[in-house]
Amino acid sequence: MPAQRRWLALAVLATALALISLDNTIVNVALPRIQEDLGATTSQLQWVVDAYSVMFAGTLLLAGSLGDRFGRRLVLLIGLVVFGVASFAAGLVDSAATLTVCRALMGIGGAFIMPSTLSILVQVFREPRERARAIGIWAAVAGVGVALGPIIGGLLLQNFSWQSIFWVNPPLVAIVLVAALLLVPESRDESRPMLDMRGAALSSLGLIALVVTIIELPEEGISVMTIVTTLLAVIGLSSFVWWERRAPRPLLPMSLFRQGAFTVPIVMVGLVYFALMGAMFLLPQFLQLVQAMGPLESGLAMLPAAGGLFVASLASPAIAARLGARRLVVIGLGLVTLGLALSSAFRTDTGYAYIGMSLALVGVGMGLALPQATNAVLASVPRERSGMGSAVNDAVGELGGSFGVAILGALMSVFYRARIEEAIASLGDRVSQVPDEVLSAVRESLASAFLIADELSDPGAEAVRIVTADAFVEGMTWAMVVGATIVLLGLVLAWLKFPVRLERVEE
């Protein structure tokens, strides 16, 4: 394929990737409005975010294998259609449950799109250095799409309703569909591998049940529901591993995980998205509710993260050629750890200069580490199974992001509620003077507390805002500390085990 045609194809793939990456976080900035309009609880809000990521991760392995067998461009086109239709439907819903279903369908469409973009890229760019540059651009778009979501979402919410964050997708999908038909070549595994449907079903069951448990445990505690989902997760994932070791054409060859060159980079991908998505779930709420920013203002406040990630991703291949991949990944994860640690010191009156510096550190660190981790994953997978390799890379990223939202969101909720209960207990007998609906809203979430405060008169309204804002910040503090600790452990693993150099992507 001529050089100009290759880069045009990459532009189409990058645009398709940007659509689904944006949707990972564009909804976050609209959460307060969605909660107000649809009356959603904190758990339901987490599901609006997580339904996309969970179904994305649960479907990716199947989507990658379908692309290898039937054609990667065909799977890309199917994904675009599903994503566009589900996006349109999401703007018509009138309940949080229906919105969650639409987000789940969008996640399935995204699962057909994302591995196709990366596996087609591997087929189009055969020269190692050129391919490394293309992967750097792919990683930049993937990460920046996530970081730009709050900005674009804020811009739309400044002028339109929350439904606009979904209705903007269908026209863009139509353009990408036409461009993909004209510019993106078809490719497949010529051996036409059999589909491992049993493996796909078991992996989806296990992953979905696992994340349901993490999301619902803080809300439900030890209950029939959480016990059942935990058992389903254990049974589904253990059965998946058992079957994959025996399947004639496994969805995910377990032998890959015996290779440090595959396993360690995959862990790095998961950690990067864990930190990114967890932070992106909490920070828009902090900026809008605690620091009283509007949706657009809070989105623009995330620009240092987006800009740092984009520039660092583009520079990552060249820097790695000088310093080595391992050293660069360690540096990148170190910056992410530092940025999250600084974020744990946010207070209700923290100035934006400090906030922006923390976000920039996180963005630059992710941009340095992500292209090297993705490059290393693809280097360890045969080219004819690039769909599977891309799907594993993307599945771990989405799963890491889902765990980031679930775990950090749950930690924030636990500490928030503990602080609220302390404040209520401190009222003593005076608590009887507080209406039940106020106590219920304050216990539920910061957004619910601020909504009920708008209906109260001072000084009661101001007292509710101060107490709940302080409780949210304390919860976010501990969530960021845990996030920084987890990334730090990944840094140690990278220092010990990550490949020293990745000069090329080979079979």
Protein backbone atom coordinates (compact mmCIF):
# COMPACT_ATOMS: atom_id res chain seq x y z
CA MET A 1 0.00 0.00 0.00
CA PRO A 2 1.40 3.47 -0.93
CA ALA A 3 2.62 5.59 1.97
CA GLN A 4 -0.03 8.28 1.49
CA ARG A 5 -2.80 5.67 1.49
CA ARG A 6 -1.42 4.11 4.67
CA TRP A 7 -1.53 7.38 6.57
CA LEU A 8 -5.01 8.17 5.25
CA ALA A 9 -6.16 4.78 6.50
CA LEU A 10 -4.59 5.57 9.88
CA ALA A 11 -6.52 8.87 9.95
CA VAL A 12 -9.79 6.97 9.46
CA LEU A 13 -8.89 4.38 12.10
CA ALA A 14 -7.85 7.12 14.52
CA THR A 15 -11.17 8.93 14.02
CA ALA A 16 -13.12 5.73 14.73
CA LEU A 17 -10.98 5.17 17.80
CA ALA A 18 -11.50 8.75 18.98
CA LEU A 19 -15.29 8.28 18.90
CA ILE A 20 -15.27 5.34 21.29
CA SER A 21 -12.48 6.72 23.47
CA LEU A 22 -14.40 9.95 23.97
CA ASP A 23 -17.41 7.98 25.09
CA ASN A 24 -15.45 6.48 27.96
CA THR A 25 -15.51 9.82 29.77
CA ILE A 26 -17.76 12.27 27.90
CA VAL A 27 -20.64 11.04 30.03
CA ASN A 28 -18.77 11.80 33.28
CA VAL A 29 -19.17 15.54 32.98
CA ALA A 30 -22.93 15.07 32.51
CA LEU A 31 -23.40 12.87 35.60
CA PRO A 32 -24.78 15.64 37.85
CA ARG A 33 -27.38 16.60 35.23
CA ILE A 34 -28.27 12.99 34.48
CA GLN A 35 -28.75 12.37 38.19
CA GLU A 36 -30.98 15.42 38.49
CA ASP A 37 -33.03 14.64 35.38
CA LEU A 38 -33.38 10.87 35.80
CA GLY A 39 -33.21 10.67 39.61
CA ALA A 40 -30.27 8.25 39.52
CA THR A 41 -28.49 6.97 42.63
CA THR A 42 -24.69 6.88 42.95
CA SER A 43 -24.70 3.16 42.15
CA GLN A 44 -26.81 3.80 39.05
CA LEU A 45 -24.46 6.57 37.96
CA GLN A 46 -21.53 4.18 38.26
CA TRP A 47 -23.42 1.72 36.09
CA VAL A 48 -24.09 4.37 33.44
CA VAL A 49 -20.31 4.73 33.25
CA ASP A 50 -19.37 1.10 33.81
CA ALA A 51 -21.96 -0.57 31.55
CA TYR A 52 -20.03 0.74 28.57
CA SER A 53 -16.66 -0.43 29.86
CA VAL A 54 -17.86 -3.79 31.17
CA MET A 55 -19.64 -4.82 27.95
CA PHE A 56 -16.71 -3.46 25.98
CA ALA A 57 -14.26 -5.63 27.92
CA GLY A 58 -16.58 -8.64 27.94
CA THR A 59 -17.04 -8.59 24.14
CA LEU A 60 -13.56 -7.63 22.97
CA LEU A 61 -12.03 -11.10 22.80
CA LEU A 62 -14.91 -12.37 20.67
CA ALA A 63 -14.76 -9.27 18.45
CA GLY A 64 -11.03 -9.71 17.86
CA SER A 65 -11.49 -13.34 16.88
CA LEU A 66 -14.39 -12.46 14.57
CA GLY A 67 -12.16 -9.93 12.84
CA ASP A 68 -9.37 -12.47 12.37
CA ARG A 69 -11.82 -14.95 10.84
CA PHE A 70 -14.31 -12.88 8.83
CA GLY A 71 -12.46 -9.63 8.16
CA ARG A 72 -11.26 -6.83 10.39
CA ARG A 73 -12.79 -4.04 8.31
CA LEU A 74 -16.16 -5.86 8.26
CA VAL A 75 -16.13 -6.09 12.06
CA LEU A 76 -15.17 -2.40 12.22
CA LEU A 77 -18.16 -1.44 10.05
CA ILE A 78 -20.58 -3.56 12.11
CA GLY A 79 -19.28 -1.96 15.28
CA LEU A 80 -19.78 1.53 13.89
CA VAL A 81 -23.41 0.79 13.01
CA VAL A 82 -24.20 -0.66 16.45
CA PHE A 83 -22.43 2.21 18.19
CA GLY A 84 -24.25 4.87 16.15
CA VAL A 85 -27.74 3.38 16.62
CA ALA A 86 -27.24 2.85 20.37
CA SER A 87 -25.95 6.43 20.73
CA PHE A 88 -29.08 7.81 19.09
CA ALA A 89 -31.30 5.68 21.33
CA ALA A 90 -29.43 6.85 24.46
CA GLY A 91 -30.63 10.39 23.83
CA LEU A 92 -34.28 9.26 23.94
CA VAL A 93 -34.34 7.47 27.32
CA ASP A 94 -36.28 8.55 30.39
CA SER A 95 -34.69 6.35 33.08
CA ALA A 96 -31.24 5.48 34.35
CA ALA A 97 -31.88 1.78 33.72
CA THR A 98 -32.69 2.34 30.03
CA LEU A 99 -29.69 4.61 29.65
CA THR A 100 -27.51 1.87 31.12
CA VAL A 101 -28.83 -0.60 28.53
CA CYS A 102 -28.01 1.83 25.71
CA ARG A 103 -24.55 2.37 27.14
CA ALA A 104 -24.05 -1.40 27.26
CA LEU A 105 -24.98 -1.67 23.56
CA MET A 106 -22.59 1.20 22.79
CA GLY A 107 -19.92 -0.78 24.61
CA ILE A 108 -20.56 -3.81 22.39
CA GLY A 109 -20.29 -1.61 19.30
CA GLY A 110 -17.09 -0.10 20.66
CA ALA A 111 -15.70 -3.59 21.27
CA PHE A 112 -16.07 -4.34 17.56
CA ILE A 113 -14.40 -1.04 16.62
CA MET A 114 -11.37 -0.73 18.89
CA PRO A 115 -9.41 -3.98 18.26
CA SER A 116 -10.17 -3.66 14.55
CA THR A 117 -8.42 -0.28 14.43
CA LEU A 118 -5.26 -1.64 16.07
CA SER A 119 -5.16 -4.96 14.18
CA ILE A 120 -5.69 -3.24 10.81
CA LEU A 121 -2.90 -0.81 11.74
CA VAL A 122 -0.54 -3.75 12.32
CA GLN A 123 -1.41 -5.15 8.88
CA VAL A 124 -1.07 -1.82 7.06
CA PHE A 125 2.22 -0.69 8.62
CA ARG A 126 4.71 -3.51 8.03
CA GLU A 127 7.97 -1.57 8.44
CA PRO A 128 8.91 -1.72 12.16
CA ARG A 129 9.85 1.92 12.79
CA GLU A 130 6.89 3.23 10.81
CA ARG A 131 4.61 0.86 12.68
CA ALA A 132 5.98 2.05 16.02
CA ARG A 133 5.16 5.64 15.01
CA ALA A 134 1.65 4.59 13.99
CA ILE A 135 1.13 2.83 17.32
CA GLY A 136 2.30 5.99 19.09
CA ILE A 137 -0.36 7.98 17.22
CA TRP A 138 -2.96 5.29 17.99
CA ALA A 139 -2.10 5.39 21.69
CA ALA A 140 -2.18 9.20 21.68
CA VAL A 141 -5.67 9.23 20.17
CA ALA A 142 -6.91 6.51 22.55
CA GLY A 143 -5.67 8.34 25.62
CA VAL A 144 -6.50 11.86 24.51
CA GLY A 145 -10.01 10.80 23.51
CA VAL A 146 -10.55 9.73 27.11
CA ALA A 147 -9.06 12.97 28.43
CA LEU A 148 -10.93 15.21 25.98
CA GLY A 149 -14.29 13.64 26.82
CA PRO A 150 -15.00 16.02 29.72
CA ILE A 151 -14.02 19.06 27.60
CA ILE A 152 -16.25 18.20 24.65
CA GLY A 153 -18.99 17.09 27.02
CA GLY A 154 -18.74 20.37 28.90
CA LEU A 155 -18.91 22.37 25.66
CA LEU A 156 -22.06 20.51 24.60
CA LEU A 157 -23.67 20.84 28.04
CA GLN A 158 -22.92 24.55 28.08
CA ASN A 159 -25.28 25.00 25.13
CA PHE A 160 -27.50 21.92 24.98
CA SER A 161 -29.09 19.23 27.13
CA TRP A 162 -27.21 16.13 28.35
CA GLN A 163 -28.73 14.16 25.47
CA SER A 164 -26.45 16.05 23.07
CA ILE A 165 -23.41 14.04 24.24
CA PHE A 166 -25.02 11.01 22.58
CA TRP A 167 -26.66 12.62 19.56
CA VAL A 168 -23.35 14.03 18.35
CA ASN A 169 -22.17 10.49 17.55
CA PRO A 170 -24.45 9.26 14.70
CA PRO A 171 -23.44 11.91 12.11
CA LEU A 172 -19.75 11.29 12.86
CA VAL A 173 -20.27 7.54 12.61
CA ALA A 174 -21.80 7.97 9.15
CA ILE A 175 -18.75 9.91 7.94
CA VAL A 176 -16.33 7.32 9.31
CA LEU A 177 -18.34 4.49 7.73
CA VAL A 178 -18.00 6.01 4.26
CA ALA A 179 -14.29 6.80 4.75
CA ALA A 180 -13.58 3.26 5.98
CA LEU A 181 -15.21 1.75 2.90
CA LEU A 182 -13.08 3.97 0.64
CA LEU A 183 -9.71 3.99 2.41
CA VAL A 184 -9.32 1.05 4.81
CA PRO A 185 -8.25 -2.30 3.32
CA GLU A 186 -9.79 -5.59 4.36
CA SER A 187 -7.62 -8.19 6.09
CA ARG A 188 -8.14 -11.51 7.87
CA ASP A 189 -6.32 -14.59 9.06
CA GLU A 190 -6.13 -16.74 5.93
CA SER A 191 -6.33 -19.92 8.02
CA ARG A 192 -9.93 -18.90 8.95
CA PRO A 193 -9.68 -20.04 12.61
CA MET A 194 -12.68 -21.59 14.36
CA LEU A 195 -14.56 -19.39 16.79
CA ASP A 196 -14.30 -20.25 20.47
CA MET A 197 -17.86 -19.38 21.46
CA ARG A 198 -17.65 -21.27 24.76
CA GLY A 199 -14.60 -19.24 25.75
CA ALA A 200 -16.34 -16.00 24.76
CA ALA A 201 -19.39 -16.84 26.88
CA LEU A 202 -17.35 -17.84 29.93
CA SER A 203 -15.08 -14.77 29.80
CA SER A 204 -18.03 -12.40 29.43
CA LEU A 205 -19.89 -14.03 32.33
CA GLY A 206 -16.88 -13.92 34.64
CA LEU A 207 -15.81 -10.36 33.86
CA ILE A 208 -19.28 -8.87 34.10
CA ALA A 209 -20.05 -10.67 37.36
CA LEU A 210 -16.75 -9.54 38.85
CA VAL A 211 -17.32 -5.85 38.16
CA VAL A 212 -20.95 -6.06 39.33
CA THR A 213 -19.63 -7.35 42.65
CA ILE A 214 -17.14 -4.50 43.00
CA ILE A 215 -19.72 -1.85 42.17
CA GLU A 216 -22.49 -3.20 44.36
CA LEU A 217 -20.50 -4.36 47.40
CA PRO A 218 -20.20 -0.88 49.01
CA GLU A 219 -23.94 -0.31 48.44
CA GLU A 220 -25.30 -3.77 49.29
CA GLY A 221 -22.65 -5.17 51.63
CA ILE A 222 -22.62 -8.93 52.05
CA SER A 223 -25.97 -9.81 50.51
CA VAL A 224 -27.53 -12.54 48.39
CA MET A 225 -26.81 -10.49 45.27
CA THR A 226 -23.13 -9.87 45.96
CA ILE A 227 -22.56 -13.47 47.05
CA VAL A 228 -24.16 -14.74 43.82
CA THR A 229 -22.17 -12.37 41.60
CA THR A 230 -18.95 -13.30 43.38
CA LEU A 231 -19.61 -17.00 42.80
CA LEU A 232 -20.46 -16.34 39.15
CA ALA A 233 -17.21 -14.40 38.73
CA VAL A 234 -15.11 -17.18 40.26
CA ILE A 235 -16.89 -19.93 38.32
CA GLY A 236 -16.89 -18.01 35.02
CA LEU A 237 -13.24 -16.96 35.07
CA SER A 238 -11.87 -20.24 36.40
CA SER A 239 -13.92 -22.17 33.82
CA PHE A 240 -12.63 -19.84 31.12
CA VAL A 241 -9.01 -20.56 32.06
CA TRP A 242 -9.72 -24.31 32.25
CA TRP A 243 -11.40 -24.34 28.84
CA GLU A 244 -8.80 -22.16 27.12
CA ARG A 245 -6.10 -24.63 28.08
CA ARG A 246 -7.99 -27.38 26.25
CA ALA A 247 -9.73 -25.60 23.36
CA PRO A 248 -8.45 -26.55 19.88
CA ARG A 249 -8.34 -22.86 18.87
CA PRO A 250 -8.52 -20.87 22.12
CA LEU A 251 -9.98 -17.40 22.24
CA LEU A 252 -7.00 -16.42 24.41
CA PRO A 253 -4.04 -18.83 24.47
CA MET A 254 -3.03 -19.23 28.10
CA SER A 255 0.56 -19.86 26.98
CA LEU A 256 0.87 -16.12 26.34
CA PHE A 257 0.71 -15.46 30.08
CA ARG A 258 3.82 -17.54 30.62
CA GLN A 259 5.73 -14.96 28.59
CA GLY A 260 6.91 -12.00 30.64
CA ALA A 261 7.18 -9.99 27.41
CA PHE A 262 3.39 -10.28 27.10
CA THR A 263 2.15 -10.37 30.69
CA VAL A 264 4.07 -7.41 32.11
CA PRO A 265 3.08 -4.96 29.33
CA ILE A 266 -0.54 -6.11 29.61
CA VAL A 267 -0.46 -5.27 33.33
CA MET A 268 0.96 -1.84 32.47
CA VAL A 269 -1.91 -1.16 30.02
CA GLY A 270 -4.43 -2.07 32.71
CA LEU A 271 -2.77 0.15 35.29
CA VAL A 272 -2.67 3.18 32.99
CA TYR A 273 -6.38 2.92 32.27
CA PHE A 274 -7.16 2.12 35.92
CA ALA A 275 -5.63 5.43 36.95
CA LEU A 276 -7.06 7.40 34.02
CA MET A 277 -10.67 6.25 34.28
CA GLY A 278 -10.77 6.27 38.07
CA ALA A 279 -9.54 9.86 38.15
CA MET A 280 -11.87 10.88 35.33
CA PHE A 281 -14.85 9.55 37.30
CA LEU A 282 -14.06 11.56 40.44
CA LEU A 283 -12.48 14.79 39.20
CA PRO A 284 -15.39 16.22 37.16
CA GLN A 285 -17.64 15.82 40.21
CA PHE A 286 -15.02 17.51 42.38
CA LEU A 287 -14.60 20.41 39.96
CA GLN A 288 -18.33 20.95 39.37
CA LEU A 289 -19.80 20.33 42.81
CA VAL A 290 -16.99 21.18 45.22
CA GLN A 291 -15.29 23.96 43.27
CA ALA A 292 -18.54 25.21 41.66
CA MET A 293 -17.29 25.08 38.05
CA GLY A 294 -19.74 24.82 35.17
CA PRO A 295 -19.66 21.78 32.86
CA LEU A 296 -17.54 23.51 30.21
CA GLU A 297 -15.22 25.08 32.77
CA SER A 298 -14.65 21.72 34.45
CA GLY A 299 -13.99 20.11 31.07
CA LEU A 300 -11.43 22.76 30.16
CA ALA A 301 -9.85 22.29 33.57
CA MET A 302 -8.91 18.76 32.42
CA LEU A 303 -6.95 20.14 29.44
CA PRO A 304 -3.50 19.72 31.06
CA ALA A 305 -4.13 15.98 31.28
CA ALA A 306 -5.29 15.75 27.68
CA GLY A 307 -2.51 17.93 26.29
CA GLY A 308 0.20 16.21 28.31
CA LEU A 309 -1.01 12.77 27.25
CA PHE A 310 -1.19 13.69 23.56
CA VAL A 311 2.25 15.30 23.34
CA ALA A 312 3.93 12.60 25.42
CA SER A 313 2.34 9.78 23.37
CA LEU A 314 3.66 11.24 20.13
CA ALA A 315 7.12 11.72 21.63
CA SER A 316 7.21 8.33 23.33
CA PRO A 317 8.65 6.24 20.42
CA ALA A 318 11.55 8.65 19.85
CA ILE A 319 12.36 8.93 23.56
CA ALA A 320 12.21 5.14 23.95
CA ALA A 321 14.76 4.77 21.15
CA ARG A 322 17.19 6.81 23.29
CA LEU A 323 16.36 5.73 26.84
CA GLY A 324 14.92 2.25 26.31
CA ALA A 325 11.32 1.11 26.73
CA ARG A 326 11.70 -0.09 30.32
CA ARG A 327 13.19 3.14 31.59
CA LEU A 328 10.55 5.20 29.82
CA VAL A 329 7.67 3.13 31.22
CA VAL A 330 9.13 3.45 34.72
CA ILE A 331 9.43 7.23 34.29
CA GLY A 332 5.88 7.42 32.96
CA LEU A 333 4.38 5.42 35.81
CA GLY A 334 6.42 7.47 38.27
CA LEU A 335 4.84 10.66 36.95
CA VAL A 336 1.37 9.11 37.16
CA THR A 337 2.03 8.07 40.76
CA LEU A 338 3.22 11.57 41.63
CA GLY A 339 0.24 13.20 39.95
CA LEU A 340 -2.25 11.00 41.80
CA ALA A 341 -0.43 11.56 45.08
CA LEU A 342 -0.65 15.32 44.58
CA SER A 343 -4.34 14.94 43.70
CA SER A 344 -4.93 13.31 47.07
CA ALA A 345 -4.10 16.67 48.65
CA PHE A 346 -6.94 18.51 46.87
CA ARG A 347 -9.15 20.48 49.23
CA THR A 348 -12.33 22.46 48.74
CA ASP A 349 -10.33 25.68 48.25
CA THR A 350 -7.32 24.30 46.33
CA GLY A 351 -6.17 26.71 43.62
CA TYR A 352 -6.29 25.66 39.97
CA ALA A 353 -2.53 26.02 39.44
CA TYR A 354 -1.96 23.09 41.78
CA ILE A 355 -4.82 21.08 40.25
CA GLY A 356 -3.58 21.72 36.72
CA MET A 357 -0.02 20.68 37.61
CA SER A 358 -1.27 17.41 39.10
CA LEU A 359 -3.34 16.65 36.01
CA ALA A 360 -0.44 17.44 33.69
CA LEU A 361 1.83 15.01 35.52
CA VAL A 362 -0.76 12.24 35.21
CA GLY A 363 -1.29 12.96 31.49
CA VAL A 364 2.40 13.10 30.58
CA GLY A 365 3.12 9.93 32.54
CA MET A 366 0.36 8.02 30.79
CA GLY A 367 1.47 9.31 27.41
CA LEU A 368 5.02 8.07 27.95
CA ALA A 369 4.01 4.61 29.20
CA LEU A 370 0.99 3.62 27.09
CA PRO A 371 2.57 3.42 23.58
CA GLN A 372 5.45 1.31 24.90
CA ALA A 373 3.10 -1.08 26.69
CA THR A 374 0.87 -1.44 23.60
CA ASN A 375 3.91 -1.92 21.35
CA ALA A 376 5.25 -4.63 23.65
CA VAL A 377 1.93 -6.51 23.67
CA LEU A 378 1.70 -6.60 19.87
CA ALA A 379 5.36 -7.58 19.57
CA SER A 380 4.64 -10.81 21.44
CA VAL A 381 1.65 -11.92 19.30
CA PRO A 382 1.89 -13.45 15.77
CA ARG A 383 0.78 -11.02 13.07
CA GLU A 384 -1.93 -13.37 11.76
CA ARG A 385 -3.57 -13.22 15.21
CA SER A 386 -3.26 -9.45 15.52
CA GLY A 387 -7.03 -9.22 16.06
CA MET A 388 -6.74 -11.38 19.15
CA GLY A 389 -3.66 -9.52 20.38
CA SER A 390 -5.33 -6.16 19.86
CA ALA A 391 -8.47 -7.39 21.60
CA VAL A 392 -6.51 -8.56 24.64
CA ASN A 393 -4.71 -5.21 24.81
CA ASP A 394 -7.99 -3.31 24.57
CA ALA A 395 -9.87 -5.66 26.89
CA VAL A 396 -7.32 -5.23 29.65
CA GLY A 397 -7.39 -1.46 29.14
CA GLU A 398 -11.17 -1.35 29.37
CA LEU A 399 -11.23 -3.73 32.30
CA GLY A 400 -8.58 -1.67 34.06
CA GLY A 401 -10.69 1.43 33.46
CA SER A 402 -13.79 -0.31 34.73
CA PHE A 403 -11.98 -1.39 37.89
CA GLY A 404 -10.66 2.15 38.30
CA VAL A 405 -14.19 3.56 38.30
CA ALA A 406 -15.55 0.75 40.45
CA ILE A 407 -12.78 0.58 43.05
CA LEU A 408 -11.95 4.27 43.39
CA GLY A 409 -15.63 5.20 43.20
CA ALA A 410 -16.45 2.63 45.88
CA LEU A 411 -13.63 3.85 48.14
CA MET A 412 -14.82 7.42 47.79
CA SER A 413 -18.38 6.36 48.69
CA VAL A 414 -17.26 4.38 51.74
CA PHE A 415 -15.25 7.23 53.23
CA TYR A 416 -17.85 9.81 52.22
CA ARG A 417 -20.58 7.96 54.06
CA ALA A 418 -18.42 7.32 57.11
CA ARG A 419 -17.72 11.06 57.38
CA ILE A 420 -21.41 11.88 56.89
CA GLU A 421 -22.45 9.46 59.62
CA GLU A 422 -19.95 11.10 61.97
CA ALA A 423 -21.44 14.51 61.17
CA ILE A 424 -24.98 13.25 61.75
CA ALA A 425 -23.99 11.59 65.02
CA SER A 426 -22.41 14.85 66.20
CA LEU A 427 -25.84 16.52 66.00
CA GLY A 428 -27.10 14.40 68.90
CA ASP A 429 -30.74 15.09 69.73
CA ARG A 430 -30.84 17.91 67.17
CA VAL A 431 -30.90 15.32 64.37
CA SER A 432 -34.65 14.94 64.99
CA GLN A 433 -35.05 18.48 63.64
CA VAL A 434 -33.57 17.49 60.28
CA PRO A 435 -36.15 16.23 57.73
CA ASP A 436 -35.74 12.58 56.73
CA GLU A 437 -35.45 13.46 53.04
CA VAL A 438 -32.48 15.70 53.81
CA LEU A 439 -30.70 12.96 55.77
CA SER A 440 -31.40 10.45 53.01
CA ALA A 441 -30.07 12.77 50.29
CA VAL A 442 -26.96 13.66 52.27
CA ARG A 443 -26.18 10.00 52.87
CA GLU A 444 -26.74 9.10 49.21
CA SER A 445 -24.14 11.28 47.45
CA LEU A 446 -22.69 14.74 47.11
CA ALA A 447 -24.86 15.46 44.05
CA SER A 448 -28.03 14.45 45.92
CA ALA A 449 -26.99 16.58 48.89
CA PHE A 450 -26.45 19.65 46.71
CA LEU A 451 -29.83 19.15 45.03
CA ILE A 452 -31.64 19.00 48.38
CA ALA A 453 -29.60 21.98 49.63
CA ASP A 454 -31.01 24.07 46.77
CA GLU A 455 -34.45 23.56 48.31
CA LEU A 456 -33.38 24.66 51.80
CA SER A 457 -32.94 28.13 53.21
CA ASP A 458 -29.73 29.41 54.80
CA PRO A 459 -28.01 28.63 57.10
CA GLY A 460 -29.16 25.01 56.69
CA ALA A 461 -28.36 24.90 52.98
CA GLU A 462 -24.84 26.20 53.46
CA ALA A 463 -24.21 23.75 56.31
CA VAL A 464 -25.25 20.83 54.06
CA ARG A 465 -22.94 22.01 51.26
CA ILE A 466 -19.93 22.45 53.55
CA VAL A 467 -20.30 19.14 55.39
CA THR A 468 -20.95 17.06 52.27
CA ALA A 469 -18.21 18.77 50.23
CA ASP A 470 -15.69 18.07 52.99
CA ALA A 471 -16.87 14.45 53.15
CA PHE A 472 -16.51 14.04 49.37
CA VAL A 473 -13.01 15.48 49.41
CA GLU A 474 -11.98 13.13 52.21
CA GLY A 475 -13.35 10.18 50.25
CA MET A 476 -11.57 11.31 47.09
CA THR A 477 -8.34 11.75 49.06
CA TRP A 478 -8.29 8.11 50.09
CA ALA A 479 -9.32 6.96 46.63
CA MET A 480 -6.39 8.83 45.06
CA VAL A 481 -3.97 7.49 47.68
CA VAL A 482 -5.01 3.94 46.86
CA GLY A 483 -4.78 4.68 43.12
CA ALA A 484 -1.27 6.07 43.51
CA THR A 485 -0.20 3.06 45.58
CA ILE A 486 -1.46 0.60 42.96
CA VAL A 487 0.34 2.43 40.14
CA LEU A 488 3.50 2.54 42.28
CA LEU A 489 3.40 -1.25 42.60
CA GLY A 490 3.14 -1.41 38.80
CA LEU A 491 6.20 0.82 38.54
CA VAL A 492 8.20 -1.66 40.62
CA LEU A 493 7.03 -4.51 38.39
CA ALA A 494 8.00 -2.56 35.26
CA TRP A 495 11.47 -1.82 36.67
CA LEU A 496 12.06 -5.50 37.35
CA LYS A 497 10.38 -7.20 34.37
CA PHE A 498 9.47 -4.88 31.49
CA PRO A 499 11.51 -5.46 28.27
CA VAL A 500 14.51 -3.14 28.11
CA ARG A 501 13.99 -2.09 24.49
CA LEU A 502 11.25 -2.39 21.88
CA GLU A 503 12.95 -1.44 18.66
CA ARG A 504 10.45 -3.15 16.42
CA VAL A 505 7.12 -4.98 16.32
CA GLU A 506 7.66 -8.47 14.95
CA GLU A 507 5.81 -11.77 14.84
